[in-house]
PDB file of all heavy atoms in Angstrom:
ATOM      1  N   PHE A   1    -156.122 247.383  79.084  1.00  0.00           N
ATOM      2  CA  PHE A   1    -156.221 246.071  79.774  1.00  0.00           C
ATOM      3  C   PHE A   1    -157.025 246.266  81.060  1.00  0.00           C
ATOM      4  O   PHE A   1    -156.468 246.154  82.122  1.00  0.00           O
ATOM      5  CB  PHE A   1    -154.778 245.529  79.989  1.00  0.00           C
ATOM      6  CG  PHE A   1    -154.784 244.097  80.586  1.00  0.00           C
ATOM      7  CD1 PHE A   1    -155.918 243.290  80.705  1.00  0.00           C
ATOM      8  CD2 PHE A   1    -153.554 243.605  80.923  1.00  0.00           C
ATOM      9  CE1 PHE A   1    -155.766 241.995  81.244  1.00  0.00           C
ATOM     10  CE2 PHE A   1    -153.436 242.329  81.461  1.00  0.00           C
ATOM     11  CZ  PHE A   1    -154.562 241.545  81.606  1.00  0.00           C
ATOM     12  N   VAL A   2    -158.320 246.532  80.874  1.00  0.00           N
ATOM     13  CA  VAL A   2    -159.178 246.827  82.025  1.00  0.00           C
ATOM     14  C   VAL A   2    -159.782 245.531  82.504  1.00  0.00           C
ATOM     15  O   VAL A   2    -159.907 245.234  83.744  1.00  0.00           O
ATOM     16  CB  VAL A   2    -160.218 247.907  81.710  1.00  0.00           C
ATOM     17  CG1 VAL A   2    -161.256 248.013  82.807  1.00  0.00           C
ATOM     18  CG2 VAL A   2    -159.498 249.239  81.406  1.00  0.00           C
ATOM     19  N   VAL A   3    -160.361 244.814  81.556  1.00  0.00           N
ATOM     20  CA  VAL A   3    -161.031 243.525  81.847  1.00  0.00           C
ATOM     21  C   VAL A   3    -159.934 242.457  81.930  1.00  0.00           C
ATOM     22  O   VAL A   3    -159.307 242.139  80.897  1.00  0.00           O
ATOM     23  CB  VAL A   3    -162.100 243.118  80.802  1.00  0.00           C
ATOM     24  CG1 VAL A   3    -162.712 241.742  81.238  1.00  0.00           C
ATOM     25  CG2 VAL A   3    -163.157 244.151  80.821  1.00  0.00           C
ATOM     26  N   GLY A   4    -159.670 241.893  83.169  1.00  0.00           N
ATOM     27  CA  GLY A   4    -158.592 240.875  83.351  1.00  0.00           C
ATOM     28  C   GLY A   4    -159.003 239.818  84.315  1.00  0.00           C
ATOM     29  O   GLY A   4    -160.169 239.683  84.669  1.00  0.00           O
ATOM     30  N   GLY A   5    -157.959 239.103  84.648  1.00  0.00           N
ATOM     31  CA  GLY A   5    -158.243 237.903  85.611  1.00  0.00           C
ATOM     32  C   GLY A   5    -159.087 236.938  84.938  1.00  0.00           C
ATOM     33  O   GLY A   5    -159.279 236.853  83.786  1.00  0.00           O
ATOM     34  N   PRO A   6    -159.795 236.060  85.740  1.00  0.00           N
ATOM     35  CA  PRO A   6    -160.653 235.090  85.290  1.00  0.00           C
ATOM     36  C   PRO A   6    -161.873 235.610  84.513  1.00  0.00           C
ATOM     37  O   PRO A   6    -162.475 234.895  83.759  1.00  0.00           O
ATOM     38  CB  PRO A   6    -161.065 234.335  86.551  1.00  0.00           C
ATOM     39  CG  PRO A   6    -159.983 234.547  87.418  1.00  0.00           C
ATOM     40  CD  PRO A   6    -159.538 235.919  87.272  1.00  0.00           C
ATOM     41  N   ASP A   7    -162.148 236.840  84.649  1.00  0.00           N
ATOM     42  CA  ASP A   7    -163.233 237.510  83.881  1.00  0.00           C
ATOM     43  C   ASP A   7    -162.845 237.817  82.463  1.00  0.00           C
ATOM     44  O   ASP A   7    -163.592 237.788  81.532  1.00  0.00           O
ATOM     45  CB  ASP A   7    -163.626 238.860  84.564  1.00  0.00           C
ATOM     46  CG  ASP A   7    -164.908 239.311  83.976  1.00  0.00           C
ATOM     47  OD1 ASP A   7    -165.781 238.597  83.513  1.00  0.00           O
ATOM     48  OD2 ASP A   7    -165.130 240.638  83.967  1.00  0.00           O
ATOM     49  N   GLY A   8    -161.474 237.849  82.267  1.00  0.00           N
ATOM     50  CA  GLY A   8    -161.076 237.967  80.888  1.00  0.00           C
ATOM     51  C   GLY A   8    -160.658 236.697  80.257  1.00  0.00           C
ATOM     52  O   GLY A   8    -160.851 236.564  79.019  1.00  0.00           O
ATOM     53  N   ASP A   9    -160.000 235.849  80.963  1.00  0.00           N
ATOM     54  CA  ASP A   9    -159.598 234.512  80.498  1.00  0.00           C
ATOM     55  C   ASP A   9    -159.803 233.494  81.569  1.00  0.00           C
ATOM     56  O   ASP A   9    -159.391 233.732  82.660  1.00  0.00           O
ATOM     57  CB  ASP A   9    -158.143 234.550  80.017  1.00  0.00           C
ATOM     58  CG  ASP A   9    -157.926 235.399  78.844  1.00  0.00           C
ATOM     59  OD1 ASP A   9    -158.200 234.979  77.678  1.00  0.00           O
ATOM     60  OD2 ASP A   9    -157.294 236.566  79.016  1.00  0.00           O
ATOM     61  N   ALA A  10    -160.314 232.347  81.213  1.00  0.00           N
ATOM     62  CA  ALA A  10    -160.428 231.307  82.214  1.00  0.00           C
ATOM     63  C   ALA A  10    -159.039 230.761  82.572  1.00  0.00           C
ATOM     64  O   ALA A  10    -158.027 230.855  81.834  1.00  0.00           O
ATOM     65  CB  ALA A  10    -161.277 230.142  81.594  1.00  0.00           C
ATOM     66  N   GLY A  11    -158.926 230.265  83.846  1.00  0.00           N
ATOM     67  CA  GLY A  11    -157.719 229.763  84.357  1.00  0.00           C
ATOM     68  C   GLY A  11    -157.744 228.353  84.755  1.00  0.00           C
ATOM     69  O   GLY A  11    -158.881 227.820  85.116  1.00  0.00           O
ATOM     70  N   LEU A  12    -156.637 227.582  84.682  1.00  0.00           N
ATOM     71  CA  LEU A  12    -156.555 226.178  85.057  1.00  0.00           C
ATOM     72  C   LEU A  12    -155.313 225.883  85.817  1.00  0.00           C
ATOM     73  O   LEU A  12    -154.211 226.555  85.449  1.00  0.00           O
ATOM     74  CB  LEU A  12    -156.640 225.346  83.793  1.00  0.00           C
ATOM     75  CG  LEU A  12    -157.976 225.163  83.118  1.00  0.00           C
ATOM     76  CD1 LEU A  12    -157.764 224.411  81.778  1.00  0.00           C
ATOM     77  CD2 LEU A  12    -159.010 224.445  83.863  1.00  0.00           C
ATOM     78  N   THR A  13    -155.302 225.056  86.759  1.00  0.00           N
ATOM     79  CA  THR A  13    -154.107 224.636  87.393  1.00  0.00           C
ATOM     80  C   THR A  13    -153.190 223.912  86.468  1.00  0.00           C
ATOM     81  O   THR A  13    -153.596 223.183  85.529  1.00  0.00           O
ATOM     82  CB  THR A  13    -154.439 223.532  88.493  1.00  0.00           C
ATOM     83  OG1 THR A  13    -155.336 224.148  89.512  1.00  0.00           O
ATOM     84  CG2 THR A  13    -153.217 223.092  89.253  1.00  0.00           C
ATOM     85  N   GLY A  14    -151.930 224.230  86.533  1.00  0.00           N
ATOM     86  CA  GLY A  14    -150.885 223.454  85.766  1.00  0.00           C
ATOM     87  C   GLY A  14    -150.614 223.841  84.348  1.00  0.00           C
ATOM     88  O   GLY A  14    -150.030 223.137  83.588  1.00  0.00           O
ATOM     89  N   ARG A  15    -151.101 225.095  83.994  1.00  0.00           N
ATOM     90  CA  ARG A  15    -150.894 225.540  82.592  1.00  0.00           C
ATOM     91  C   ARG A  15    -149.625 226.426  82.466  1.00  0.00           C
ATOM     92  O   ARG A  15    -149.449 226.956  81.264  1.00  0.00           O
ATOM     93  CB  ARG A  15    -152.103 226.307  82.044  1.00  0.00           C
ATOM     94  CG  ARG A  15    -153.210 225.308  81.689  1.00  0.00           C
ATOM     95  CD  ARG A  15    -154.138 225.958  80.631  1.00  0.00           C
ATOM     96  NE  ARG A  15    -154.754 227.207  81.028  1.00  0.00           N
ATOM     97  CZ  ARG A  15    -155.817 227.732  80.495  1.00  0.00           C
ATOM     98  NH1 ARG A  15    -156.374 227.112  79.460  1.00  0.00           N
ATOM     99  NH2 ARG A  15    -156.269 228.922  80.828  1.00  0.00           N
ATOM    100  N   LYS A  16    -148.985 226.639  83.453  1.00  0.00           N
ATOM    101  CA  LYS A  16    -147.727 227.581  83.396  1.00  0.00           C
ATOM    102  C   LYS A  16    -146.533 226.868  83.826  1.00  0.00           C
ATOM    103  O   LYS A  16    -145.688 227.341  84.583  1.00  0.00           O
ATOM    104  CB  LYS A  16    -147.970 228.803  84.171  1.00  0.00           C
ATOM    105  CG  LYS A  16    -149.016 229.751  83.606  1.00  0.00           C
ATOM    106  CD  LYS A  16    -148.484 230.330  82.311  1.00  0.00           C
ATOM    107  CE  LYS A  16    -149.527 231.259  81.590  1.00  0.00           C
ATOM    108  NZ  LYS A  16    -150.539 230.372  80.858  1.00  0.00           N
ATOM    109  N   ILE A  17    -146.205 225.576  83.284  1.00  0.00           N
ATOM    110  CA  ILE A  17    -145.147 224.813  83.645  1.00  0.00           C
ATOM    111  C   ILE A  17    -143.808 225.312  83.275  1.00  0.00           C
ATOM    112  O   ILE A  17    -142.830 225.117  83.952  1.00  0.00           O
ATOM    113  CB  ILE A  17    -145.314 223.332  83.210  1.00  0.00           C
ATOM    114  CG1 ILE A  17    -145.387 223.305  81.659  1.00  0.00           C
ATOM    115  CG2 ILE A  17    -146.537 222.726  83.815  1.00  0.00           C
ATOM    116  CD1 ILE A  17    -145.468 221.824  81.111  1.00  0.00           C
ATOM    117  N   ILE A  18    -143.773 226.043  82.151  1.00  0.00           N
ATOM    118  CA  ILE A  18    -142.537 226.679  81.794  1.00  0.00           C
ATOM    119  C   ILE A  18    -142.178 227.891  82.642  1.00  0.00           C
ATOM    120  O   ILE A  18    -140.996 228.167  83.067  1.00  0.00           O
ATOM    121  CB  ILE A  18    -142.497 227.064  80.313  1.00  0.00           C
ATOM    122  CG1 ILE A  18    -142.765 225.717  79.442  1.00  0.00           C
ATOM    123  CG2 ILE A  18    -141.157 227.719  79.897  1.00  0.00           C
ATOM    124  CD1 ILE A  18    -141.727 224.608  79.744  1.00  0.00           C
ATOM    125  N   VAL A  19    -143.182 228.712  83.006  1.00  0.00           N
ATOM    126  CA  VAL A  19    -143.071 229.781  83.906  1.00  0.00           C
ATOM    127  C   VAL A  19    -142.633 229.290  85.287  1.00  0.00           C
ATOM    128  O   VAL A  19    -141.709 229.817  85.940  1.00  0.00           O
ATOM    129  CB  VAL A  19    -144.343 230.573  84.041  1.00  0.00           C
ATOM    130  CG1 VAL A  19    -144.315 231.554  85.195  1.00  0.00           C
ATOM    131  CG2 VAL A  19    -144.745 231.336  82.734  1.00  0.00           C
ATOM    132  N   ASP A  20    -143.176 228.167  85.671  1.00  0.00           N
ATOM    133  CA  ASP A  20    -142.823 227.552  87.001  1.00  0.00           C
ATOM    134  C   ASP A  20    -141.411 227.149  87.143  1.00  0.00           C
ATOM    135  O   ASP A  20    -140.855 226.936  88.163  1.00  0.00           O
ATOM    136  CB  ASP A  20    -143.708 226.371  87.285  1.00  0.00           C
ATOM    137  CG  ASP A  20    -145.089 226.832  87.711  1.00  0.00           C
ATOM    138  OD1 ASP A  20    -145.348 228.014  88.068  1.00  0.00           O
ATOM    139  OD2 ASP A  20    -146.036 225.978  87.619  1.00  0.00           O
ATOM    140  N   THR A  21    -140.731 226.897  85.979  1.00  0.00           N
ATOM    141  CA  THR A  21    -139.461 226.169  86.022  1.00  0.00           C
ATOM    142  C   THR A  21    -138.298 227.116  85.461  1.00  0.00           C
ATOM    143  O   THR A  21    -137.829 227.988  86.190  1.00  0.00           O
ATOM    144  CB  THR A  21    -139.581 224.849  85.279  1.00  0.00           C
ATOM    145  OG1 THR A  21    -140.042 224.993  83.991  1.00  0.00           O
ATOM    146  CG2 THR A  21    -140.388 223.857  85.938  1.00  0.00           C
ATOM    147  N   TYR A  22    -137.906 226.869  84.190  1.00  0.00           N
ATOM    148  CA  TYR A  22    -136.604 227.538  83.717  1.00  0.00           C
ATOM    149  C   TYR A  22    -136.934 228.436  82.457  1.00  0.00           C
ATOM    150  O   TYR A  22    -135.926 228.820  81.808  1.00  0.00           O
ATOM    151  CB  TYR A  22    -135.709 226.477  83.427  1.00  0.00           C
ATOM    152  CG  TYR A  22    -135.412 225.628  84.652  1.00  0.00           C
ATOM    153  CD1 TYR A  22    -135.965 224.301  84.587  1.00  0.00           C
ATOM    154  CD2 TYR A  22    -134.734 226.021  85.741  1.00  0.00           C
ATOM    155  CE1 TYR A  22    -135.813 223.453  85.775  1.00  0.00           C
ATOM    156  CE2 TYR A  22    -134.588 225.236  86.846  1.00  0.00           C
ATOM    157  CZ  TYR A  22    -135.115 223.926  86.767  1.00  0.00           C
ATOM    158  OH  TYR A  22    -134.869 223.093  87.927  1.00  0.00           O
ATOM    159  N   GLY A  23    -138.157 228.751  82.244  1.00  0.00           N
ATOM    160  CA  GLY A  23    -138.492 229.747  81.155  1.00  0.00           C
ATOM    161  C   GLY A  23    -138.123 229.201  79.808  1.00  0.00           C
ATOM    162  O   GLY A  23    -137.875 230.036  78.929  1.00  0.00           O
ATOM    163  N   GLY A  24    -138.047 227.933  79.545  1.00  0.00           N
ATOM    164  CA  GLY A  24    -137.716 227.376  78.303  1.00  0.00           C
ATOM    165  C   GLY A  24    -136.226 227.139  78.163  1.00  0.00           C
ATOM    166  O   GLY A  24    -135.811 226.611  77.052  1.00  0.00           O
ATOM    167  N   ALA A  25    -135.392 227.467  79.056  1.00  0.00           N
ATOM    168  CA  ALA A  25    -134.007 227.390  78.878  1.00  0.00           C
ATOM    169  C   ALA A  25    -133.436 225.927  79.200  1.00  0.00           C
ATOM    170  O   ALA A  25    -132.336 225.601  78.932  1.00  0.00           O
ATOM    171  CB  ALA A  25    -133.275 228.294  79.887  1.00  0.00           C
ATOM    172  N   ALA A  26    -134.333 225.076  79.705  1.00  0.00           N
ATOM    173  CA  ALA A  26    -134.000 223.643  79.970  1.00  0.00           C
ATOM    174  C   ALA A  26    -135.174 222.818  79.609  1.00  0.00           C
ATOM    175  O   ALA A  26    -136.312 223.248  79.496  1.00  0.00           O
ATOM    176  CB  ALA A  26    -133.719 223.487  81.522  1.00  0.00           C
ATOM    177  N   PRO A  27    -134.961 221.452  79.492  1.00  0.00           N
ATOM    178  CA  PRO A  27    -136.054 220.598  79.126  1.00  0.00           C
ATOM    179  C   PRO A  27    -137.099 220.520  80.267  1.00  0.00           C
ATOM    180  O   PRO A  27    -136.807 220.908  81.462  1.00  0.00           O
ATOM    181  CB  PRO A  27    -135.366 219.179  78.969  1.00  0.00           C
ATOM    182  CG  PRO A  27    -133.880 219.471  78.817  1.00  0.00           C
ATOM    183  CD  PRO A  27    -133.636 220.819  79.592  1.00  0.00           C
ATOM    184  N   HIS A  28    -138.251 220.030  79.990  1.00  0.00           N
ATOM    185  CA  HIS A  28    -139.374 219.848  80.925  1.00  0.00           C
ATOM    186  C   HIS A  28    -140.079 218.545  80.703  1.00  0.00           C
ATOM    187  O   HIS A  28    -140.334 218.206  79.547  1.00  0.00           O
ATOM    188  CB  HIS A  28    -140.375 221.073  80.878  1.00  0.00           C
ATOM    189  CG  HIS A  28    -141.299 221.141  82.055  1.00  0.00           C
ATOM    190  ND1 HIS A  28    -142.193 220.131  82.424  1.00  0.00           N
ATOM    191  CD2 HIS A  28    -141.427 222.101  82.978  1.00  0.00           C
ATOM    192  CE1 HIS A  28    -142.841 220.476  83.421  1.00  0.00           C
ATOM    193  NE2 HIS A  28    -142.403 221.655  83.871  1.00  0.00           N
ATOM    194  N   GLY A  29    -140.317 217.774  81.757  1.00  0.00           N
ATOM    195  CA  GLY A  29    -140.930 216.475  81.558  1.00  0.00           C
ATOM    196  C   GLY A  29    -142.424 216.487  81.318  1.00  0.00           C
ATOM    197  O   GLY A  29    -142.989 215.508  80.900  1.00  0.00           O
ATOM    198  N   GLY A  30    -143.052 217.679  81.400  1.00  0.00           N
ATOM    199  CA  GLY A  30    -144.476 217.866  81.153  1.00  0.00           C
ATOM    200  C   GLY A  30    -145.383 217.787  82.272  1.00  0.00           C
ATOM    201  O   GLY A  30    -146.631 218.161  82.116  1.00  0.00           O
ATOM    202  N   GLY A  31    -144.999 217.361  83.487  1.00  0.00           N
ATOM    203  CA  GLY A  31    -145.868 217.291  84.598  1.00  0.00           C
ATOM    204  C   GLY A  31    -145.906 218.639  85.334  1.00  0.00           C
ATOM    205  O   GLY A  31    -144.849 219.175  85.553  1.00  0.00           O
ATOM    206  N   ALA A  32    -147.108 219.007  85.807  1.00  0.00           N
ATOM    207  CA  ALA A  32    -147.194 220.265  86.522  1.00  0.00           C
ATOM    208  C   ALA A  32    -146.955 219.938  88.016  1.00  0.00           C
ATOM    209  O   ALA A  32    -146.888 218.769  88.398  1.00  0.00           O
ATOM    210  CB  ALA A  32    -148.583 220.877  86.377  1.00  0.00           C
ATOM    211  N   PHE A  33    -146.820 220.962  88.824  1.00  0.00           N
ATOM    212  CA  PHE A  33    -146.506 220.832  90.291  1.00  0.00           C
ATOM    213  C   PHE A  33    -147.679 221.034  91.239  1.00  0.00           C
ATOM    214  O   PHE A  33    -147.939 220.322  92.116  1.00  0.00           O
ATOM    215  CB  PHE A  33    -145.329 221.743  90.597  1.00  0.00           C
ATOM    216  CG  PHE A  33    -144.044 221.609  89.856  1.00  0.00           C
ATOM    217  CD1 PHE A  33    -143.249 222.714  89.732  1.00  0.00           C
ATOM    218  CD2 PHE A  33    -143.748 220.454  89.362  1.00  0.00           C
ATOM    219  CE1 PHE A  33    -142.000 222.620  89.044  1.00  0.00           C
ATOM    220  CE2 PHE A  33    -142.575 220.321  88.520  1.00  0.00           C
ATOM    221  CZ  PHE A  33    -141.718 221.377  88.481  1.00  0.00           C
ATOM    222  N   SER A  34    -148.354 222.133  90.965  1.00  0.00           N
ATOM    223  CA  SER A  34    -149.367 222.649  91.926  1.00  0.00           C
ATOM    224  C   SER A  34    -150.505 221.664  92.063  1.00  0.00           C
ATOM    225  O   SER A  34    -150.947 221.017  91.098  1.00  0.00           O
ATOM    226  CB  SER A  34    -149.829 224.055  91.526  1.00  0.00           C
ATOM    227  OG  SER A  34    -148.798 224.971  91.686  1.00  0.00           O
ATOM    228  N   GLY A  35    -151.050 221.608  93.249  1.00  0.00           N
ATOM    229  CA  GLY A  35    -152.185 220.742  93.531  1.00  0.00           C
ATOM    230  C   GLY A  35    -151.780 219.276  93.940  1.00  0.00           C
ATOM    231  O   GLY A  35    -152.635 218.487  94.070  1.00  0.00           O
ATOM    232  N   LYS A  36    -150.468 218.998  94.001  1.00  0.00           N
ATOM    233  CA  LYS A  36    -149.947 217.680  94.190  1.00  0.00           C
ATOM    234  C   LYS A  36    -149.210 217.535  95.535  1.00  0.00           C
ATOM    235  O   LYS A  36    -148.248 218.391  95.789  1.00  0.00           O
ATOM    236  CB  LYS A  36    -149.122 217.200  93.048  1.00  0.00           C
ATOM    237  CG  LYS A  36    -149.812 217.177  91.682  1.00  0.00           C
ATOM    238  CD  LYS A  36    -148.906 216.918  90.520  1.00  0.00           C
ATOM    239  CE  LYS A  36    -149.703 216.860  89.223  1.00  0.00           C
ATOM    240  NZ  LYS A  36    -148.806 216.607  88.077  1.00  0.00           N
ATOM    241  N   ASP A  37    -149.528 216.555  96.319  1.00  0.00           N
ATOM    242  CA  ASP A  37    -148.708 216.380  97.454  1.00  0.00           C
ATOM    243  C   ASP A  37    -147.381 215.797  97.078  1.00  0.00           C
ATOM    244  O   ASP A  37    -147.214 215.312  95.920  1.00  0.00           O
ATOM    245  CB  ASP A  37    -149.394 215.360  98.453  1.00  0.00           C
ATOM    246  CG  ASP A  37    -149.369 213.943  97.954  1.00  0.00           C
ATOM    247  OD1 ASP A  37    -148.377 213.237  98.122  1.00  0.00           O
ATOM    248  OD2 ASP A  37    -150.478 213.510  97.380  1.00  0.00           O
ATOM    249  N   PRO A  38    -146.306 215.685  97.989  1.00  0.00           N
ATOM    250  CA  PRO A  38    -144.992 215.330  97.581  1.00  0.00           C
ATOM    251  C   PRO A  38    -144.746 213.876  97.289  1.00  0.00           C
ATOM    252  O   PRO A  38    -143.543 213.518  96.972  1.00  0.00           O
ATOM    253  CB  PRO A  38    -144.105 215.776  98.789  1.00  0.00           C
ATOM    254  CG  PRO A  38    -145.047 215.867  99.925  1.00  0.00           C
ATOM    255  CD  PRO A  38    -146.355 216.283  99.375  1.00  0.00           C
ATOM    256  N   THR A  39    -145.749 212.988  97.427  1.00  0.00           N
ATOM    257  CA  THR A  39    -145.529 211.624  96.870  1.00  0.00           C
ATOM    258  C   THR A  39    -145.625 211.625  95.372  1.00  0.00           C
ATOM    259  O   THR A  39    -145.139 210.620  94.777  1.00  0.00           O
ATOM    260  CB  THR A  39    -146.581 210.638  97.455  1.00  0.00           C
ATOM    261  OG1 THR A  39    -147.880 210.953  96.941  1.00  0.00           O
ATOM    262  CG2 THR A  39    -146.511 210.573  98.949  1.00  0.00           C
ATOM    263  N   LYS A  40    -146.197 212.660  94.803  1.00  0.00           N
ATOM    264  CA  LYS A  40    -146.242 212.802  93.319  1.00  0.00           C
ATOM    265  C   LYS A  40    -144.860 213.171  92.849  1.00  0.00           C
ATOM    266  O   LYS A  40    -144.425 214.379  93.098  1.00  0.00           O
ATOM    267  CB  LYS A  40    -147.270 213.803  92.898  1.00  0.00           C
ATOM    268  CG  LYS A  40    -148.735 213.309  92.831  1.00  0.00           C
ATOM    269  CD  LYS A  40    -149.361 212.962  94.173  1.00  0.00           C
ATOM    270  CE  LYS A  40    -150.871 212.679  94.084  1.00  0.00           C
ATOM    271  NZ  LYS A  40    -151.428 212.361  95.357  1.00  0.00           N
ATOM    272  N   VAL A  41    -144.129 212.338  92.121  1.00  0.00           N
ATOM    273  CA  VAL A  41    -142.876 212.614  91.636  1.00  0.00           C
ATOM    274  C   VAL A  41    -142.794 213.801  90.665  1.00  0.00           C
ATOM    275  O   VAL A  41    -141.743 214.364  90.462  1.00  0.00           O
ATOM    276  CB  VAL A  41    -142.121 211.359  91.200  1.00  0.00           C
ATOM    277  CG1 VAL A  41    -141.724 210.449  92.399  1.00  0.00           C
ATOM    278  CG2 VAL A  41    -142.924 210.610  90.188  1.00  0.00           C
ATOM    279  N   ASP A  42    -143.909 214.033  89.964  1.00  0.00           N
ATOM    280  CA  ASP A  42    -143.939 215.230  89.075  1.00  0.00           C
ATOM    281  C   ASP A  42    -143.423 216.437  89.850  1.00  0.00           C
ATOM    282  O   ASP A  42    -142.678 217.263  89.277  1.00  0.00           O
ATOM    283  CB  ASP A  42    -145.409 215.537  88.660  1.00  0.00           C
ATOM    284  CG  ASP A  42    -145.802 214.731  87.476  1.00  0.00           C
ATOM    285  OD1 ASP A  42    -144.967 214.210  86.799  1.00  0.00           O
ATOM    286  OD2 ASP A  42    -147.091 214.751  87.251  1.00  0.00           O
ATOM    287  N   ARG A  43    -143.763 216.530  91.127  1.00  0.00           N
ATOM    288  CA  ARG A  43    -143.312 217.592  91.944  1.00  0.00           C
ATOM    289  C   ARG A  43    -142.003 217.314  92.585  1.00  0.00           C
ATOM    290  O   ARG A  43    -140.968 218.048  92.475  1.00  0.00           O
ATOM    291  CB  ARG A  43    -144.448 217.930  92.912  1.00  0.00           C
ATOM    292  CG  ARG A  43    -144.037 219.085  93.851  1.00  0.00           C
ATOM    293  CD  ARG A  43    -145.256 219.642  94.674  1.00  0.00           C
ATOM    294  NE  ARG A  43    -145.271 221.025  94.643  1.00  0.00           N
ATOM    295  CZ  ARG A  43    -146.392 221.801  94.895  1.00  0.00           C
ATOM    296  NH1 ARG A  43    -147.534 221.204  95.037  1.00  0.00           N
ATOM    297  NH2 ARG A  43    -146.302 223.148  94.742  1.00  0.00           N
ATOM    298  N   SER A  44    -142.010 216.305  93.463  1.00  0.00           N
ATOM    299  CA  SER A  44    -140.857 216.044  94.352  1.00  0.00           C
ATOM    300  C   SER A  44    -139.551 215.705  93.654  1.00  0.00           C
ATOM    301  O   SER A  44    -138.510 216.156  94.005  1.00  0.00           O
ATOM    302  CB  SER A  44    -141.153 214.946  95.439  1.00  0.00           C
ATOM    303  OG  SER A  44    -141.594 213.796  94.783  1.00  0.00           O
TER     304      SER A  44
END
């Protein structure tokens, strides 16, 4: 695993919503958190 990071795979904001929360142990509403100010209820 020498070639990694964005050189190995492209990255996007909001694609790790299960990692960000409970690892699949609980439901998720589908909205990502990062890049959003706290008026966005997805986050707050």
